[in-house]
Amino acid sequence: MHKELHSIKIIRDYMARKKLLPQNVDNIENIYSFFQYLSSDESKNKFNSLYIMNYIYMYIASDEVAKRKTSSRVFEDLLAIIFDGEVIDSKKRKNIKSEVPECFELVQDKLAGNKREKIDLLFGESYGVSVKTLMMSNKEINMGSFEKKILFDGFEVTKYLTERKTDSDMGLGSKPRLKKLLELLKDNNHYDKFQNRFEKMFSFIFSDDIILAIKENEKMYLYFFSGEEFTTLFTSKIGNVDELLKILNRWEGNSIRIDRSMLLDSATRMVELDFSLLNDTVIRLVNELDYKLHETYIQYFNEENNQALKSNLISSIDELFNAFNLHIKSLQS
């Protein structure tokens, strides 16, 4: 865990006391409302907000780190600390209980596993959230496992449940091949049953709320979806193959990949974080002092003439706090 997250824990406690954070997080609106505040004009000159924004930029969104896989986990850690939740790993996921629809009684373990896999954050005993982070250039989102063998069971299409090309050009690995497969179900009078099963499986597996973060260096775009909004977007289109394939791209292994465009267009909650303002605030001075502080530690133990280092550092600290005092009323929140 980054040491700055310990500072954010302290900031979180102060913001909670001032009722800038919800007491309990049990729906997506709680999280969305805080990020609305974080991006607002009211918040942009407050020290606590600037510190959180600076952390997101430095460790999650900037070009220097955004492409690293670790930036996704860093974002989850941040959300867990701000909202007093818990990041869920594979071991903890096994303890999450969910009621699988009775019609899937014979395969309930697999479907329950598909659902558990989606939860990245847990608040309280039962409120789970899925977190997806991607670059602006990523037009496709990996939504994780959606059990293909169960979905297509009994329709006599097992040999086509592959991403590889088949003789008939049917399959799961591309939108054209998937379209041919779904049209085969229609031709064989299986599509109504497939549609019913898809709706029930999808509504169960993807019922948890979703946060989608898109990184673009000095900006981050956050989208917040309730599980119902997300599942309805798909189940409302399953009756028409062409409409469904505007958002469902393909399977890769047992995971589905979707086109992000229609999902983003459907969003009713979006927040834009603009990090370009940070250099015009006291956070720039904080960053400079932080570098100087660590540089001084190292110099102190490695240079013979080190006696002036302490006084120079104290002078830098005095300068920073003088800058704080010039803007103390606006920085306090």
C-alpha atoms as a PDB file:
ATOM      1  CA  MET A   1       0.000   0.000   0.000  1.00  0.00           C
ATOM      2  CA  HIS A   2       1.328   3.459  -0.878  1.00  0.00           C
ATOM      3  CA  LYS A   3       2.250   5.523   2.169  1.00  0.00           C
ATOM      4  CA  GLU A   4       0.019   8.321   0.873  1.00  0.00           C
ATOM      5  CA  LEU A   5      -2.996   6.095   1.520  1.00  0.00           C
ATOM      6  CA  HIS A   6      -2.294   6.377   5.238  1.00  0.00           C
ATOM      7  CA  SER A   7      -2.638  10.142   4.821  1.00  0.00           C
ATOM      8  CA  ILE A   8      -5.879   9.646   2.910  1.00  0.00           C
ATOM      9  CA  LYS A   9      -7.214   7.581   5.825  1.00  0.00           C
ATOM     10  CA  ILE A  10      -6.710  10.618   8.040  1.00  0.00           C
ATOM     11  CA  ILE A  11      -8.334  12.890   5.451  1.00  0.00           C
ATOM     12  CA  ARG A  12     -11.236  10.429   5.138  1.00  0.00           C
ATOM     13  CA  ASP A  13     -11.920  10.700   8.880  1.00  0.00           C
ATOM     14  CA  TYR A  14     -11.969  14.500   8.763  1.00  0.00           C
ATOM     15  CA  MET A  15     -14.266  14.530   5.730  1.00  0.00           C
ATOM     16  CA  ALA A  16     -16.609  12.022   7.377  1.00  0.00           C
ATOM     17  CA  ARG A  17     -16.876  14.210  10.484  1.00  0.00           C
ATOM     18  CA  LYS A  18     -17.905  17.107   8.268  1.00  0.00           C
ATOM     19  CA  LYS A  19     -20.490  14.874   6.558  1.00  0.00           C
ATOM     20  CA  LEU A  20     -18.772  15.023   3.178  1.00  0.00           C
ATOM     21  CA  LEU A  21     -18.813  11.225   3.103  1.00  0.00           C
ATOM     22  CA  PRO A  22     -21.751   8.867   3.705  1.00  0.00           C
ATOM     23  CA  GLN A  23     -21.908   7.047   7.036  1.00  0.00           C
ATOM     24  CA  ASN A  24     -22.694   3.785   5.257  1.00  0.00           C
ATOM     25  CA  VAL A  25     -22.234   2.899   1.607  1.00  0.00           C
ATOM     26  CA  ASP A  26     -25.094   0.735   0.357  1.00  0.00           C
ATOM     27  CA  ASN A  27     -25.808   2.030  -3.148  1.00  0.00           C
ATOM     28  CA  ILE A  28     -24.016   3.560  -6.119  1.00  0.00           C
ATOM     29  CA  GLU A  29     -25.447   7.024  -5.426  1.00  0.00           C
ATOM     30  CA  ASN A  30     -23.364   7.230  -2.210  1.00  0.00           C
ATOM     31  CA  ILE A  31     -20.133   6.858  -4.169  1.00  0.00           C
ATOM     32  CA  TYR A  32     -21.257   8.999  -7.100  1.00  0.00           C
ATOM     33  CA  SER A  33     -22.255  11.883  -4.813  1.00  0.00           C
ATOM     34  CA  PHE A  34     -18.790  12.076  -3.279  1.00  0.00           C
ATOM     35  CA  PHE A  35     -17.071  12.222  -6.670  1.00  0.00           C
ATOM     36  CA  GLN A  36     -19.550  14.881  -7.749  1.00  0.00           C
ATOM     37  CA  TYR A  37     -18.369  16.912  -4.784  1.00  0.00           C
ATOM     38  CA  LEU A  38     -14.695  16.156  -5.557  1.00  0.00           C
ATOM     39  CA  SER A  39     -15.092  17.562  -9.077  1.00  0.00           C
ATOM     40  CA  SER A  40     -17.160  20.597  -8.076  1.00  0.00           C
ATOM     41  CA  ASP A  41     -16.107  24.257  -7.936  1.00  0.00           C
ATOM     42  CA  GLU A  42     -16.835  24.148  -4.208  1.00  0.00           C
ATOM     43  CA  SER A  43     -14.200  21.454  -3.718  1.00  0.00           C
ATOM     44  CA  LYS A  44     -11.427  22.388  -6.139  1.00  0.00           C
ATOM     45  CA  ASN A  45      -9.547  24.671  -3.711  1.00  0.00           C
ATOM     46  CA  LYS A  46      -9.977  22.512  -0.605  1.00  0.00           C
ATOM     47  CA  PHE A  47      -6.793  20.860   0.622  1.00  0.00           C
ATOM     48  CA  ASN A  48      -8.381  17.475   1.396  1.00  0.00           C
ATOM     49  CA  SER A  49      -9.945  17.246  -2.053  1.00  0.00           C
ATOM     50  CA  LEU A  50      -6.756  18.387  -3.770  1.00  0.00           C
ATOM     51  CA  TYR A  51      -4.739  15.755  -1.907  1.00  0.00           C
ATOM     52  CA  ILE A  52      -7.075  12.978  -3.103  1.00  0.00           C
ATOM     53  CA  MET A  53      -7.067  14.350  -6.658  1.00  0.00           C
ATOM     54  CA  ASN A  54      -3.273  14.503  -6.611  1.00  0.00           C
ATOM     55  CA  TYR A  55      -3.087  10.870  -5.493  1.00  0.00           C
ATOM     56  CA  ILE A  56      -5.408   9.734  -8.284  1.00  0.00           C
ATOM     57  CA  TYR A  57      -3.348  11.602 -10.850  1.00  0.00           C
ATOM     58  CA  MET A  58       0.072  10.453  -9.641  1.00  0.00           C
ATOM     59  CA  TYR A  59      -0.697   6.781  -9.059  1.00  0.00           C
ATOM     60  CA  ILE A  60      -3.659   5.958 -11.327  1.00  0.00           C
ATOM     61  CA  ALA A  61      -4.350   8.349 -14.206  1.00  0.00           C
ATOM     62  CA  SER A  62      -1.107   9.966 -15.400  1.00  0.00           C
ATOM     63  CA  ASP A  63       0.499   8.641 -18.564  1.00  0.00           C
ATOM     64  CA  GLU A  64       3.464   7.476 -16.508  1.00  0.00           C
ATOM     65  CA  VAL A  65       1.405   4.879 -14.609  1.00  0.00           C
ATOM     66  CA  ALA A  66      -1.960   4.507 -16.354  1.00  0.00           C
ATOM     67  CA  LYS A  67      -0.997   1.517 -18.520  1.00  0.00           C
ATOM     68  CA  ARG A  68       0.300  -0.483 -15.578  1.00  0.00           C
ATOM     69  CA  LYS A  69      -1.997  -3.268 -14.419  1.00  0.00           C
ATOM     70  CA  THR A  70      -1.304  -2.224 -10.836  1.00  0.00           C
ATOM     71  CA  SER A  71      -3.096   1.095 -11.318  1.00  0.00           C
ATOM     72  CA  SER A  72      -6.443  -0.752 -11.249  1.00  0.00           C
ATOM     73  CA  ARG A  73      -5.660  -2.262  -7.849  1.00  0.00           C
ATOM     74  CA  VAL A  74      -4.424   1.105  -6.589  1.00  0.00           C
ATOM     75  CA  PHE A  75      -7.796   2.636  -7.523  1.00  0.00           C
ATOM     76  CA  GLU A  76      -9.627  -0.142  -5.672  1.00  0.00           C
ATOM     77  CA  ASP A  77      -7.458   0.444  -2.583  1.00  0.00           C
ATOM     78  CA  LEU A  78      -8.277   4.148  -2.716  1.00  0.00           C
ATOM     79  CA  LEU A  79     -12.039   3.538  -2.993  1.00  0.00           C
ATOM     80  CA  ALA A  80     -11.917   1.043  -0.119  1.00  0.00           C
ATOM     81  CA  ILE A  81     -10.194   3.578   2.146  1.00  0.00           C
ATOM     82  CA  ILE A  82     -12.359   6.569   1.237  1.00  0.00           C
ATOM     83  CA  PHE A  83     -15.631   4.660   1.674  1.00  0.00           C
ATOM     84  CA  ASP A  84     -14.491   2.365   4.498  1.00  0.00           C
ATOM     85  CA  GLY A  85     -14.855  -0.828   2.472  1.00  0.00           C
ATOM     86  CA  GLU A  86     -12.728  -3.848   1.709  1.00  0.00           C
ATOM     87  CA  VAL A  87     -10.906  -4.949  -1.435  1.00  0.00           C
ATOM     88  CA  ILE A  88     -11.989  -8.506  -2.202  1.00  0.00           C
ATOM     89  CA  ASP A  89      -9.392 -11.038  -3.303  1.00  0.00           C
ATOM     90  CA  SER A  90     -10.070 -14.570  -4.573  1.00  0.00           C
ATOM     91  CA  LYS A  91      -9.925 -16.069  -1.075  1.00  0.00           C
ATOM     92  CA  LYS A  92     -12.431 -13.612   0.379  1.00  0.00           C
ATOM     93  CA  ARG A  93     -14.746 -14.021  -2.628  1.00  0.00           C
ATOM     94  CA  LYS A  94     -15.402 -17.625  -1.624  1.00  0.00           C
ATOM     95  CA  ASN A  95     -17.177 -16.388   1.501  1.00  0.00           C
ATOM     96  CA  ILE A  96     -19.658 -14.177  -0.386  1.00  0.00           C
ATOM     97  CA  LYS A  97     -23.073 -15.848  -0.459  1.00  0.00           C
ATOM     98  CA  SER A  98     -25.708 -15.340  -3.143  1.00  0.00           C
ATOM     99  CA  GLU A  99     -28.979 -17.039  -3.995  1.00  0.00           C
ATOM    100  CA  VAL A 100     -28.869 -18.595  -7.439  1.00  0.00           C
ATOM    101  CA  PRO A 101     -32.256 -18.754  -9.234  1.00  0.00           C
ATOM    102  CA  GLU A 102     -33.935 -22.138  -8.694  1.00  0.00           C
ATOM    103  CA  CYS A 103     -33.956 -22.903 -12.412  1.00  0.00           C
ATOM    104  CA  PHE A 104     -30.142 -23.181 -12.251  1.00  0.00           C
ATOM    105  CA  GLU A 105     -30.088 -25.478  -9.236  1.00  0.00           C
ATOM    106  CA  LEU A 106     -27.917 -28.118 -10.939  1.00  0.00           C
ATOM    107  CA  VAL A 107     -25.218 -25.577 -11.883  1.00  0.00           C
ATOM    108  CA  GLN A 108     -25.560 -23.141  -9.009  1.00  0.00           C
ATOM    109  CA  ASP A 109     -21.904 -23.367  -7.930  1.00  0.00           C
ATOM    110  CA  LYS A 110     -20.634 -22.286 -11.341  1.00  0.00           C
ATOM    111  CA  LEU A 111     -23.063 -19.387 -11.625  1.00  0.00           C
ATOM    112  CA  ALA A 112     -22.421 -18.284  -8.053  1.00  0.00           C
ATOM    113  CA  GLY A 113     -18.709 -18.311  -8.920  1.00  0.00           C
ATOM    114  CA  ASN A 114     -19.344 -16.161 -12.016  1.00  0.00           C
ATOM    115  CA  LYS A 115     -21.176 -13.639  -9.848  1.00  0.00           C
ATOM    116  CA  ARG A 116     -18.631 -13.614  -7.004  1.00  0.00           C
ATOM    117  CA  GLU A 117     -15.840 -12.951  -9.484  1.00  0.00           C
ATOM    118  CA  LYS A 118     -17.413  -9.603 -10.418  1.00  0.00           C
ATOM    119  CA  ILE A 119     -17.168  -8.092  -6.928  1.00  0.00           C
ATOM    120  CA  ASP A 120     -14.011  -6.044  -6.328  1.00  0.00           C
ATOM    121  CA  LEU A 121     -15.151  -4.035  -3.287  1.00  0.00           C
ATOM    122  CA  LEU A 122     -17.388  -4.997  -0.396  1.00  0.00           C
ATOM    123  CA  PHE A 123     -19.093  -2.528   1.923  1.00  0.00           C
ATOM    124  CA  GLY A 124     -20.694  -3.835   5.083  1.00  0.00           C
ATOM    125  CA  GLU A 125     -21.801  -7.422   4.857  1.00  0.00           C
ATOM    126  CA  SER A 126     -23.501  -7.486   1.496  1.00  0.00           C
ATOM    127  CA  TYR A 127     -23.051  -4.454  -0.785  1.00  0.00           C
ATOM    128  CA  GLY A 128     -20.623  -5.377  -3.565  1.00  0.00           C
ATOM    129  CA  VAL A 129     -19.266  -3.174  -6.358  1.00  0.00           C
ATOM    130  CA  SER A 130     -17.418  -4.109  -9.538  1.00  0.00           C
ATOM    131  CA  VAL A 131     -14.639  -1.716 -10.615  1.00  0.00           C
ATOM    132  CA  LYS A 132     -13.360  -1.466 -14.191  1.00  0.00           C
ATOM    133  CA  THR A 133     -10.490   0.795 -15.255  1.00  0.00           C
ATOM    134  CA  LEU A 134      -9.350   1.302 -18.833  1.00  0.00           C
ATOM    135  CA  MET A 135      -7.477   3.644 -21.112  1.00  0.00           C
ATOM    136  CA  MET A 136      -9.268   6.074 -23.389  1.00  0.00           C
ATOM    137  CA  SER A 137      -8.012   4.023 -26.351  1.00  0.00           C
ATOM    138  CA  ASN A 138      -9.734   0.839 -25.094  1.00  0.00           C
ATOM    139  CA  LYS A 139     -13.056   0.509 -26.911  1.00  0.00           C
ATOM    140  CA  GLU A 140     -13.824  -2.939 -25.489  1.00  0.00           C
ATOM    141  CA  ILE A 141     -14.469  -3.926 -21.866  1.00  0.00           C
ATOM    142  CA  ASN A 142     -13.779  -7.362 -20.437  1.00  0.00           C
ATOM    143  CA  MET A 143     -16.747  -8.031 -18.143  1.00  0.00           C
ATOM    144  CA  GLY A 144     -15.476 -11.370 -16.835  1.00  0.00           C
ATOM    145  CA  SER A 145     -17.008 -14.832 -16.759  1.00  0.00           C
ATOM    146  CA  PHE A 146     -20.402 -15.555 -18.283  1.00  0.00           C
ATOM    147  CA  GLU A 147     -20.709 -19.333 -18.403  1.00  0.00           C
ATOM    148  CA  LYS A 148     -21.063 -20.177 -22.098  1.00  0.00           C
ATOM    149  CA  LYS A 149     -21.634 -23.930 -21.690  1.00  0.00           C
ATOM    150  CA  ILE A 150     -24.600 -23.340 -19.382  1.00  0.00           C
ATOM    151  CA  LEU A 151     -25.992 -20.563 -21.584  1.00  0.00           C
ATOM    152  CA  PHE A 152     -25.943 -22.693 -24.756  1.00  0.00           C
ATOM    153  CA  ASP A 153     -26.624 -26.082 -23.126  1.00  0.00           C
ATOM    154  CA  GLY A 154     -29.197 -28.234 -24.951  1.00  0.00           C
ATOM    155  CA  PHE A 155     -29.133 -26.274 -28.209  1.00  0.00           C
ATOM    156  CA  GLU A 156     -26.838 -28.705 -30.043  1.00  0.00           C
ATOM    157  CA  VAL A 157     -24.177 -26.074 -30.727  1.00  0.00           C
ATOM    158  CA  THR A 158     -21.373 -27.314 -28.442  1.00  0.00           C
ATOM    159  CA  LYS A 159     -18.883 -27.614 -31.302  1.00  0.00           C
ATOM    160  CA  TYR A 160     -19.294 -23.914 -32.050  1.00  0.00           C
ATOM    161  CA  LEU A 161     -18.544 -22.693 -28.502  1.00  0.00           C
ATOM    162  CA  THR A 162     -15.029 -21.630 -29.375  1.00  0.00           C
ATOM    163  CA  GLU A 163     -13.253 -18.431 -30.353  1.00  0.00           C
ATOM    164  CA  ARG A 164     -11.469 -20.153 -33.207  1.00  0.00           C
ATOM    165  CA  LYS A 165     -12.819 -20.201 -36.733  1.00  0.00           C
ATOM    166  CA  THR A 166     -14.963 -23.188 -37.606  1.00  0.00           C
ATOM    167  CA  ASP A 167     -15.895 -24.652 -40.987  1.00  0.00           C
ATOM    168  CA  SER A 168     -19.284 -22.973 -40.805  1.00  0.00           C
ATOM    169  CA  ASP A 169     -17.840 -19.636 -39.618  1.00  0.00           C
ATOM    170  CA  MET A 170     -19.963 -19.842 -36.461  1.00  0.00           C
ATOM    171  CA  GLY A 171     -18.525 -19.300 -33.011  1.00  0.00           C
ATOM    172  CA  LEU A 172     -17.969 -16.936 -30.111  1.00  0.00           C
ATOM    173  CA  GLY A 173     -14.706 -15.205 -31.021  1.00  0.00           C
ATOM    174  CA  SER A 174     -16.035 -12.368 -33.158  1.00  0.00           C
ATOM    175  CA  LYS A 175     -19.239 -10.468 -33.743  1.00  0.00           C
ATOM    176  CA  PRO A 176     -19.877 -11.925 -37.260  1.00  0.00           C
ATOM    177  CA  ARG A 177     -19.392 -15.525 -36.053  1.00  0.00           C
ATOM    178  CA  LEU A 178     -21.531 -14.916 -32.980  1.00  0.00           C
ATOM    179  CA  LYS A 179     -24.293 -13.482 -35.162  1.00  0.00           C
ATOM    180  CA  LYS A 180     -24.335 -16.638 -37.287  1.00  0.00           C
ATOM    181  CA  LEU A 181     -24.534 -18.778 -34.161  1.00  0.00           C
ATOM    182  CA  LEU A 182     -27.488 -16.829 -32.766  1.00  0.00           C
ATOM    183  CA  GLU A 183     -29.239 -16.956 -36.138  1.00  0.00           C
ATOM    184  CA  LEU A 184     -28.809 -20.742 -36.093  1.00  0.00           C
ATOM    185  CA  LEU A 185     -30.658 -20.826 -32.770  1.00  0.00           C
ATOM    186  CA  LYS A 186     -33.478 -18.901 -34.414  1.00  0.00           C
ATOM    187  CA  ASP A 187     -33.573 -21.244 -37.400  1.00  0.00           C
ATOM    188  CA  ASN A 188     -33.777 -24.246 -35.044  1.00  0.00           C
ATOM    189  CA  ASN A 189     -36.493 -22.643 -32.894  1.00  0.00           C
ATOM    190  CA  HIS A 190     -34.219 -22.455 -29.855  1.00  0.00           C
ATOM    191  CA  TYR A 191     -33.901 -18.697 -29.616  1.00  0.00           C
ATOM    192  CA  ASP A 192     -36.862 -18.066 -27.289  1.00  0.00           C
ATOM    193  CA  LYS A 193     -35.464 -20.524 -24.766  1.00  0.00           C
ATOM    194  CA  PHE A 194     -31.984 -19.034 -25.208  1.00  0.00           C
ATOM    195  CA  GLN A 195     -33.378 -15.534 -24.640  1.00  0.00           C
ATOM    196  CA  ASN A 196     -35.129 -16.581 -21.444  1.00  0.00           C
ATOM    197  CA  ARG A 197     -31.992 -18.262 -20.106  1.00  0.00           C
ATOM    198  CA  PHE A 198     -29.781 -15.319 -21.093  1.00  0.00           C
ATOM    199  CA  GLU A 199     -32.045 -12.859 -19.255  1.00  0.00           C
ATOM    200  CA  LYS A 200     -32.057 -14.889 -16.051  1.00  0.00           C
ATOM    201  CA  MET A 201     -28.341 -15.654 -16.083  1.00  0.00           C
ATOM    202  CA  PHE A 202     -27.272 -12.124 -16.990  1.00  0.00           C
ATOM    203  CA  SER A 203     -29.567 -10.483 -14.435  1.00  0.00           C
ATOM    204  CA  PHE A 204     -28.136 -12.712 -11.707  1.00  0.00           C
ATOM    205  CA  ILE A 205     -24.427 -12.664 -12.575  1.00  0.00           C
ATOM    206  CA  PHE A 206     -24.227  -8.918 -13.278  1.00  0.00           C
ATOM    207  CA  SER A 207     -26.585  -7.678 -10.574  1.00  0.00           C
ATOM    208  CA  ASP A 208     -23.919  -5.753  -8.639  1.00  0.00           C
ATOM    209  CA  ASP A 209     -23.275  -2.052  -9.201  1.00  0.00           C
ATOM    210  CA  ILE A 210     -20.396  -0.985 -11.436  1.00  0.00           C
ATOM    211  CA  ILE A 211     -17.836   1.844 -11.441  1.00  0.00           C
ATOM    212  CA  LEU A 212     -16.092   2.396 -14.766  1.00  0.00           C
ATOM    213  CA  ALA A 213     -13.003   4.637 -14.819  1.00  0.00           C
ATOM    214  CA  ILE A 214     -11.477   5.820 -18.112  1.00  0.00           C
ATOM    215  CA  LYS A 215      -7.970   7.282 -17.824  1.00  0.00           C
ATOM    216  CA  GLU A 216      -6.660  10.034 -20.078  1.00  0.00           C
ATOM    217  CA  ASN A 217      -3.560  11.539 -18.427  1.00  0.00           C
ATOM    218  CA  GLU A 218      -4.774  14.870 -17.027  1.00  0.00           C
ATOM    219  CA  LYS A 219      -8.382  13.705 -16.947  1.00  0.00           C
ATOM    220  CA  MET A 220     -10.330  10.763 -15.631  1.00  0.00           C
ATOM    221  CA  TYR A 221     -13.927   9.999 -16.530  1.00  0.00           C
ATOM    222  CA  LEU A 222     -15.952   8.063 -13.982  1.00  0.00           C
ATOM    223  CA  TYR A 223     -19.228   6.319 -14.825  1.00  0.00           C
ATOM    224  CA  PHE A 224     -21.515   4.822 -12.208  1.00  0.00           C
ATOM    225  CA  PHE A 225     -24.107   2.139 -13.029  1.00  0.00           C
ATOM    226  CA  SER A 226     -26.535   0.298 -10.826  1.00  0.00           C
ATOM    227  CA  GLY A 227     -26.677  -3.437 -11.486  1.00  0.00           C
ATOM    228  CA  GLU A 228     -30.243  -3.053 -12.689  1.00  0.00           C
ATOM    229  CA  GLU A 229     -29.301  -0.350 -15.199  1.00  0.00           C
ATOM    230  CA  PHE A 230     -26.481  -2.470 -16.576  1.00  0.00           C
ATOM    231  CA  THR A 231     -28.462  -5.695 -16.886  1.00  0.00           C
ATOM    232  CA  THR A 232     -31.516  -3.963 -18.351  1.00  0.00           C
ATOM    233  CA  LEU A 233     -29.341  -2.481 -21.107  1.00  0.00           C
ATOM    234  CA  PHE A 234     -28.603  -6.039 -22.273  1.00  0.00           C
ATOM    235  CA  THR A 235     -31.867  -7.817 -21.533  1.00  0.00           C
ATOM    236  CA  SER A 236     -33.814  -5.094 -23.379  1.00  0.00           C
ATOM    237  CA  LYS A 237     -31.853  -5.941 -26.538  1.00  0.00           C
ATOM    238  CA  ILE A 238     -31.724  -9.736 -26.380  1.00  0.00           C
ATOM    239  CA  GLY A 239     -34.946 -10.020 -28.407  1.00  0.00           C
ATOM    240  CA  ASN A 240     -33.171  -8.637 -31.480  1.00  0.00           C
ATOM    241  CA  VAL A 241     -29.836 -10.165 -32.505  1.00  0.00           C
ATOM    242  CA  ASP A 242     -28.613  -7.057 -34.334  1.00  0.00           C
ATOM    243  CA  GLU A 243     -29.438  -4.821 -31.357  1.00  0.00           C
ATOM    244  CA  LEU A 244     -27.752  -7.203 -28.916  1.00  0.00           C
ATOM    245  CA  LEU A 245     -24.588  -7.264 -31.021  1.00  0.00           C
ATOM    246  CA  LYS A 246     -24.305  -3.506 -30.888  1.00  0.00           C
ATOM    247  CA  ILE A 247     -23.054  -3.967 -27.338  1.00  0.00           C
ATOM    248  CA  LEU A 248     -22.044  -7.640 -27.002  1.00  0.00           C
ATOM    249  CA  ASN A 249     -18.836  -8.212 -28.963  1.00  0.00           C
ATOM    250  CA  ARG A 250     -17.590 -11.717 -28.282  1.00  0.00           C
ATOM    251  CA  TRP A 251     -16.412 -14.306 -25.795  1.00  0.00           C
ATOM    252  CA  GLU A 252     -12.736 -14.767 -24.951  1.00  0.00           C
ATOM    253  CA  GLY A 253     -12.391 -17.997 -23.038  1.00  0.00           C
ATOM    254  CA  ASN A 254     -15.348 -17.925 -20.686  1.00  0.00           C
ATOM    255  CA  SER A 255     -15.417 -14.129 -20.428  1.00  0.00           C
ATOM    256  CA  ILE A 256     -17.573 -11.749 -22.415  1.00  0.00           C
ATOM    257  CA  ARG A 257     -16.260  -8.587 -23.989  1.00  0.00           C
ATOM    258  CA  ILE A 258     -18.566  -5.683 -24.699  1.00  0.00           C
ATOM    259  CA  ASP A 259     -18.448  -2.503 -26.761  1.00  0.00           C
ATOM    260  CA  ARG A 260     -18.186   0.446 -24.423  1.00  0.00           C
ATOM    261  CA  SER A 261     -19.907   3.055 -26.656  1.00  0.00           C
ATOM    262  CA  MET A 262     -23.515   2.095 -25.997  1.00  0.00           C
ATOM    263  CA  LEU A 263     -22.814   1.548 -22.310  1.00  0.00           C
ATOM    264  CA  LEU A 264     -21.364   5.040 -21.921  1.00  0.00           C
ATOM    265  CA  ASP A 265     -24.215   6.557 -23.901  1.00  0.00           C
ATOM    266  CA  SER A 266     -26.663   4.985 -21.465  1.00  0.00           C
ATOM    267  CA  ALA A 267     -24.959   6.411 -18.372  1.00  0.00           C
ATOM    268  CA  THR A 268     -26.975   8.744 -16.149  1.00  0.00           C
ATOM    269  CA  ARG A 269     -24.102   9.389 -13.726  1.00  0.00           C
ATOM    270  CA  MET A 270     -20.731  10.665 -14.955  1.00  0.00           C
ATOM    271  CA  VAL A 271     -18.002  12.690 -13.290  1.00  0.00           C
ATOM    272  CA  GLU A 272     -14.993  14.269 -14.993  1.00  0.00           C
ATOM    273  CA  LEU A 273     -11.903  14.792 -12.853  1.00  0.00           C
ATOM    274  CA  ASP A 274      -9.572  17.454 -14.259  1.00  0.00           C
ATOM    275  CA  PHE A 275      -6.042  17.178 -12.868  1.00  0.00           C
ATOM    276  CA  SER A 276      -4.617  20.084 -14.866  1.00  0.00           C
ATOM    277  CA  LEU A 277      -5.645  22.483 -12.080  1.00  0.00           C
ATOM    278  CA  LEU A 278      -3.300  20.851  -9.542  1.00  0.00           C
ATOM    279  CA  ASN A 279      -0.198  22.762 -10.647  1.00  0.00           C
ATOM    280  CA  ASP A 280      -1.948  26.041  -9.852  1.00  0.00           C
ATOM    281  CA  THR A 281      -2.631  25.053  -6.247  1.00  0.00           C
ATOM    282  CA  VAL A 282      -0.650  24.513  -3.046  1.00  0.00           C
ATOM    283  CA  ILE A 283      -0.451  20.822  -3.961  1.00  0.00           C
ATOM    284  CA  ARG A 284       2.406  21.715  -6.309  1.00  0.00           C
ATOM    285  CA  LEU A 285       4.318  23.071  -3.297  1.00  0.00           C
ATOM    286  CA  VAL A 286       3.461  19.960  -1.272  1.00  0.00           C
ATOM    287  CA  ASN A 287       4.834  17.738  -4.043  1.00  0.00           C
ATOM    288  CA  GLU A 288       8.011  19.812  -4.264  1.00  0.00           C
ATOM    289  CA  LEU A 289       8.562  19.637  -0.515  1.00  0.00           C
ATOM    290  CA  ASP A 290       7.876  15.908  -0.488  1.00  0.00           C
ATOM    291  CA  TYR A 291      10.628  15.396  -3.047  1.00  0.00           C
ATOM    292  CA  LYS A 292      12.984  17.694  -1.130  1.00  0.00           C
ATOM    293  CA  LEU A 293      12.250  15.866   2.132  1.00  0.00           C
ATOM    294  CA  HIS A 294      13.241  12.494   0.720  1.00  0.00           C
ATOM    295  CA  GLU A 295      16.192  13.964  -1.142  1.00  0.00           C
ATOM    296  CA  THR A 296      17.413  15.458   2.148  1.00  0.00           C
ATOM    297  CA  TYR A 297      17.167  12.119   3.988  1.00  0.00           C
ATOM    298  CA  ILE A 298      19.364  10.507   1.364  1.00  0.00           C
ATOM    299  CA  GLN A 299      21.857  13.366   1.204  1.00  0.00           C
ATOM    300  CA  TYR A 300      22.160  13.443   4.988  1.00  0.00           C
ATOM    301  CA  PHE A 301      23.428   9.856   5.110  1.00  0.00           C
ATOM    302  CA  ASN A 302      25.584  10.057   2.001  1.00  0.00           C
ATOM    303  CA  GLU A 303      27.318  13.446   2.086  1.00  0.00           C
ATOM    304  CA  GLU A 304      30.055  14.549   4.471  1.00  0.00           C
ATOM    305  CA  ASN A 305      29.039  18.188   4.492  1.00  0.00           C
ATOM    306  CA  ASN A 306      25.499  17.596   5.719  1.00  0.00           C
ATOM    307  CA  GLN A 307      25.079  20.126   8.513  1.00  0.00           C
ATOM    308  CA  ALA A 308      23.218  22.714   6.444  1.00  0.00           C
ATOM    309  CA  LEU A 309      20.669  20.194   5.164  1.00  0.00           C
ATOM    310  CA  LYS A 310      18.480  20.338   8.271  1.00  0.00           C
ATOM    311  CA  SER A 311      18.237  24.133   8.333  1.00  0.00           C
ATOM    312  CA  ASN A 312      17.539  24.247   4.586  1.00  0.00           C
ATOM    313  CA  LEU A 313      14.744  21.744   4.975  1.00  0.00           C
ATOM    314  CA  ILE A 314      13.214  23.674   7.887  1.00  0.00           C
ATOM    315  CA  SER A 315      13.287  26.821   5.757  1.00  0.00           C
ATOM    316  CA  SER A 316      11.410  24.963   3.006  1.00  0.00           C
ATOM    317  CA  ILE A 317       8.815  23.781   5.503  1.00  0.00           C
ATOM    318  CA  ASP A 318       8.363  27.342   6.765  1.00  0.00           C
ATOM    319  CA  GLU A 319       7.826  28.536   3.189  1.00  0.00           C
ATOM    320  CA  LEU A 320       5.187  25.895   2.610  1.00  0.00           C
ATOM    321  CA  PHE A 321       3.255  26.746   5.755  1.00  0.00           C
ATOM    322  CA  ASN A 322       3.471  30.439   4.957  1.00  0.00           C
ATOM    323  CA  ALA A 323       1.818  29.609   1.630  1.00  0.00           C
ATOM    324  CA  PHE A 324      -0.820  27.596   3.519  1.00  0.00           C
ATOM    325  CA  ASN A 325      -1.510  30.555   5.784  1.00  0.00           C
ATOM    326  CA  LEU A 326      -2.091  32.865   2.839  1.00  0.00           C
ATOM    327  CA  HIS A 327      -4.994  30.676   1.719  1.00  0.00           C
ATOM    328  CA  ILE A 328      -5.956  28.930   4.945  1.00  0.00           C
ATOM    329  CA  LYS A 329      -9.658  29.817   4.874  1.00  0.00           C
ATOM    330  CA  SER A 330     -10.232  28.587   1.349  1.00  0.00           C
ATOM    331  CA  LEU A 331      -8.120  25.441   1.841  1.00  0.00           C
ATOM    332  CA  GLN A 332      -9.964  24.245   4.920  1.00  0.00           C
ATOM    333  CA  SER A 333     -12.956  22.012   4.296  1.00  0.00           C
END
